[in-house]
Amino acid sequence: MRFTGFCKFMGAETRKGFKDPSQTFYVVGVGQGLDSLRCYVDAESYVRYAAIEPYSDVEAEFDYNPVSGKINLISIN
């Protein structure tokens, strides 16, 4: 199920893997009110989203899987 939300872009960062430090994970954070969401993205999306100014208002599109309870970031406009 896809949905759109208006939120604040918190930022983008890279993280090293806990079990395997040679792996790099790309994380994008968005927030709305007191709630925040951290989404893992691919390297290409990370480069695109890292250019967005932190704390700017964005429209984000998400995909929610009710079976697994996971939310994936589709795009940020």
N, C-alpha and C. Protein backbone atom coordinates (compact mmCIF):
# COMPACT_ATOMS: atom_id res chain seq x y z
N MET A 1 0.85 -1.16 0.00
CA MET A 1 0.00 0.00 0.00
C MET A 1 0.90 1.23 0.00
N ARG A 2 0.71 2.11 -0.97
CA ARG A 2 1.51 3.33 -1.07
C ARG A 2 0.77 4.50 -0.45
N PHE A 3 1.53 5.37 0.19
CA PHE A 3 0.95 6.59 0.74
C PHE A 3 1.98 7.70 0.70
N THR A 4 1.51 8.93 0.77
CA THR A 4 2.35 10.12 0.72
C THR A 4 2.23 10.88 2.03
N GLY A 5 3.33 11.43 2.48
CA GLY A 5 3.32 12.21 3.71
C GLY A 5 4.15 13.47 3.56
N PHE A 6 3.70 14.55 4.20
CA PHE A 6 4.46 15.79 4.23
C PHE A 6 5.24 15.80 5.53
N CYS A 7 6.55 15.92 5.43
CA CYS A 7 7.38 15.82 6.62
C CYS A 7 8.64 16.66 6.47
N LYS A 8 9.43 16.68 7.53
CA LYS A 8 10.71 17.38 7.54
C LYS A 8 11.80 16.37 7.18
N PHE A 9 12.69 16.78 6.30
CA PHE A 9 13.84 15.95 5.96
C PHE A 9 14.89 16.16 7.04
N MET A 10 15.25 15.12 7.76
CA MET A 10 16.19 15.23 8.87
C MET A 10 17.64 15.12 8.42
N GLY A 11 17.89 14.37 7.36
CA GLY A 11 19.26 14.23 6.86
C GLY A 11 19.52 12.85 6.31
N ALA A 12 20.71 12.68 5.75
CA ALA A 12 21.14 11.40 5.19
C ALA A 12 22.55 11.11 5.70
N GLU A 13 22.81 9.85 6.01
CA GLU A 13 24.14 9.49 6.52
C GLU A 13 24.48 8.07 6.11
N THR A 14 25.76 7.74 6.22
CA THR A 14 26.21 6.37 5.96
C THR A 14 26.58 5.75 7.29
N ARG A 15 26.42 4.45 7.36
CA ARG A 15 26.78 3.69 8.58
C ARG A 15 27.53 2.43 8.16
N LYS A 16 28.51 2.08 8.95
CA LYS A 16 29.22 0.83 8.73
C LYS A 16 28.44 -0.31 9.37
N GLY A 17 28.55 -1.49 8.79
CA GLY A 17 27.86 -2.65 9.32
C GLY A 17 28.38 -3.03 10.69
N PHE A 18 27.48 -3.50 11.55
CA PHE A 18 27.86 -3.89 12.90
C PHE A 18 28.65 -5.21 12.89
N LYS A 19 28.09 -6.21 12.20
CA LYS A 19 28.76 -7.52 12.14
C LYS A 19 29.89 -7.53 11.11
N ASP A 20 29.69 -6.78 10.01
CA ASP A 20 30.69 -6.73 8.96
C ASP A 20 31.01 -5.27 8.64
N PRO A 21 32.06 -4.71 9.24
CA PRO A 21 32.38 -3.29 9.04
C PRO A 21 32.72 -2.92 7.60
N SER A 22 32.95 -3.89 6.73
CA SER A 22 33.24 -3.57 5.34
C SER A 22 31.98 -3.19 4.57
N GLN A 23 30.80 -3.49 5.11
CA GLN A 23 29.54 -3.11 4.48
C GLN A 23 29.18 -1.69 4.86
N THR A 24 28.58 -0.97 3.90
CA THR A 24 28.11 0.38 4.15
C THR A 24 26.61 0.42 3.93
N PHE A 25 25.91 1.00 4.89
CA PHE A 25 24.46 1.16 4.79
C PHE A 25 24.16 2.64 4.67
N TYR A 26 23.16 2.97 3.86
CA TYR A 26 22.77 4.35 3.61
C TYR A 26 21.41 4.60 4.25
N VAL A 27 21.34 5.65 5.08
CA VAL A 27 20.14 5.91 5.87
C VAL A 27 19.65 7.32 5.61
N VAL A 28 18.31 7.45 5.46
CA VAL A 28 17.66 8.74 5.29
C VAL A 28 16.65 8.88 6.42
N GLY A 29 16.62 10.05 7.05
CA GLY A 29 15.70 10.29 8.15
C GLY A 29 14.68 11.36 7.79
N VAL A 30 13.42 11.10 8.13
CA VAL A 30 12.35 12.08 7.97
C VAL A 30 11.57 12.12 9.27
N GLY A 31 10.90 13.24 9.52
CA GLY A 31 10.14 13.39 10.75
C GLY A 31 8.88 14.19 10.54
N GLN A 32 7.90 13.95 11.40
CA GLN A 32 6.64 14.69 11.37
C GLN A 32 6.17 14.82 12.81
N GLY A 33 6.10 16.05 13.29
CA GLY A 33 5.72 16.26 14.69
C GLY A 33 6.77 15.67 15.60
N LEU A 34 6.38 14.79 16.52
CA LEU A 34 7.33 14.14 17.42
C LEU A 34 7.80 12.79 16.91
N ASP A 35 7.24 12.33 15.79
CA ASP A 35 7.61 11.02 15.24
C ASP A 35 8.71 11.17 14.20
N SER A 36 9.58 10.18 14.16
CA SER A 36 10.64 10.16 13.14
C SER A 36 10.72 8.76 12.54
N LEU A 37 11.27 8.71 11.33
CA LEU A 37 11.39 7.44 10.61
C LEU A 37 12.74 7.40 9.94
N ARG A 38 13.44 6.31 10.13
CA ARG A 38 14.74 6.10 9.51
C ARG A 38 14.57 5.02 8.45
N CYS A 39 14.93 5.35 7.21
CA CYS A 39 14.76 4.42 6.10
C CYS A 39 16.11 4.11 5.46
N TYR A 40 16.35 2.85 5.18
CA TYR A 40 17.56 2.44 4.49
C TYR A 40 17.30 2.53 2.99
N VAL A 41 18.25 3.14 2.26
CA VAL A 41 18.12 3.33 0.81
C VAL A 41 19.38 2.81 0.12
N ASP A 42 19.33 2.75 -1.20
CA ASP A 42 20.51 2.34 -1.96
C ASP A 42 21.47 3.52 -2.15
N ALA A 43 22.65 3.25 -2.67
CA ALA A 43 23.69 4.28 -2.81
C ALA A 43 23.26 5.40 -3.75
N GLU A 44 22.58 5.07 -4.82
CA GLU A 44 22.12 6.07 -5.79
C GLU A 44 21.12 7.03 -5.16
N SER A 45 20.17 6.50 -4.40
CA SER A 45 19.19 7.34 -3.72
C SER A 45 19.86 8.18 -2.65
N TYR A 46 20.84 7.62 -1.96
CA TYR A 46 21.55 8.37 -0.93
C TYR A 46 22.21 9.62 -1.51
N VAL A 47 22.87 9.49 -2.65
CA VAL A 47 23.53 10.64 -3.28
C VAL A 47 22.50 11.71 -3.63
N ARG A 48 21.36 11.29 -4.14
CA ARG A 48 20.30 12.23 -4.52
C ARG A 48 19.72 12.94 -3.29
N TYR A 49 19.47 12.21 -2.22
CA TYR A 49 18.83 12.78 -1.03
C TYR A 49 19.81 13.54 -0.14
N ALA A 50 21.10 13.22 -0.19
CA ALA A 50 22.07 13.91 0.64
C ALA A 50 22.20 15.39 0.24
N ALA A 51 21.80 15.73 -0.97
CA ALA A 51 21.87 17.11 -1.44
C ALA A 51 20.74 17.97 -0.90
N ILE A 52 19.72 17.36 -0.30
CA ILE A 52 18.59 18.11 0.25
C ILE A 52 19.02 18.77 1.56
N GLU A 53 18.64 20.00 1.74
CA GLU A 53 18.98 20.75 2.96
C GLU A 53 18.25 20.13 4.16
N PRO A 54 18.96 19.83 5.26
CA PRO A 54 18.30 19.28 6.45
C PRO A 54 17.23 20.23 6.99
N TYR A 55 16.20 19.67 7.54
CA TYR A 55 15.05 20.35 8.13
C TYR A 55 14.22 21.12 7.10
N SER A 56 14.32 20.73 5.84
CA SER A 56 13.45 21.34 4.84
C SER A 56 12.17 20.52 4.72
N ASP A 57 11.09 21.17 4.30
CA ASP A 57 9.81 20.49 4.13
C ASP A 57 9.83 19.70 2.82
N VAL A 58 9.47 18.43 2.89
CA VAL A 58 9.46 17.57 1.71
C VAL A 58 8.16 16.76 1.67
N GLU A 59 7.88 16.24 0.50
CA GLU A 59 6.77 15.31 0.33
C GLU A 59 7.39 13.96 0.02
N ALA A 60 7.18 13.00 0.89
CA ALA A 60 7.80 11.68 0.74
C ALA A 60 6.73 10.64 0.41
N GLU A 61 7.10 9.72 -0.47
CA GLU A 61 6.20 8.62 -0.84
C GLU A 61 6.76 7.33 -0.24
N PHE A 62 5.91 6.60 0.44
CA PHE A 62 6.29 5.37 1.12
C PHE A 62 5.48 4.20 0.62
N ASP A 63 6.02 3.01 0.83
CA ASP A 63 5.31 1.76 0.56
C ASP A 63 5.24 0.99 1.87
N TYR A 64 4.02 0.69 2.31
CA TYR A 64 3.81 -0.02 3.57
C TYR A 64 3.35 -1.44 3.28
N ASN A 65 4.02 -2.42 3.87
CA ASN A 65 3.64 -3.81 3.75
C ASN A 65 2.99 -4.24 5.06
N PRO A 66 1.65 -4.40 5.09
CA PRO A 66 0.98 -4.73 6.35
C PRO A 66 1.32 -6.13 6.87
N VAL A 67 1.76 -7.03 6.01
CA VAL A 67 2.10 -8.38 6.45
C VAL A 67 3.39 -8.37 7.26
N SER A 68 4.42 -7.69 6.74
CA SER A 68 5.70 -7.65 7.44
C SER A 68 5.81 -6.47 8.39
N GLY A 69 4.96 -5.45 8.21
CA GLY A 69 5.00 -4.26 9.04
C GLY A 69 6.14 -3.31 8.67
N LYS A 70 6.70 -3.46 7.47
CA LYS A 70 7.82 -2.63 7.04
C LYS A 70 7.36 -1.47 6.19
N ILE A 71 8.06 -0.34 6.32
CA ILE A 71 7.81 0.84 5.51
C ILE A 71 9.06 1.14 4.71
N ASN A 72 8.93 1.23 3.39
CA ASN A 72 10.06 1.54 2.51
C ASN A 72 9.86 2.91 1.90
N LEU A 73 10.92 3.66 1.81
CA LEU A 73 10.89 4.97 1.18
C LEU A 73 10.98 4.79 -0.33
N ILE A 74 10.00 5.34 -1.06
CA ILE A 74 9.98 5.25 -2.52
C ILE A 74 10.65 6.46 -3.14
N SER A 75 10.24 7.65 -2.73
CA SER A 75 10.82 8.87 -3.29
C SER A 75 10.59 10.05 -2.37
N ILE A 76 11.39 11.09 -2.57
CA ILE A 76 11.22 12.37 -1.87
C ILE A 76 11.14 13.45 -2.92
N ASN A 77 10.12 14.28 -2.81
CA ASN A 77 9.96 15.41 -3.75
C ASN A 77 10.15 16.70 -3.02
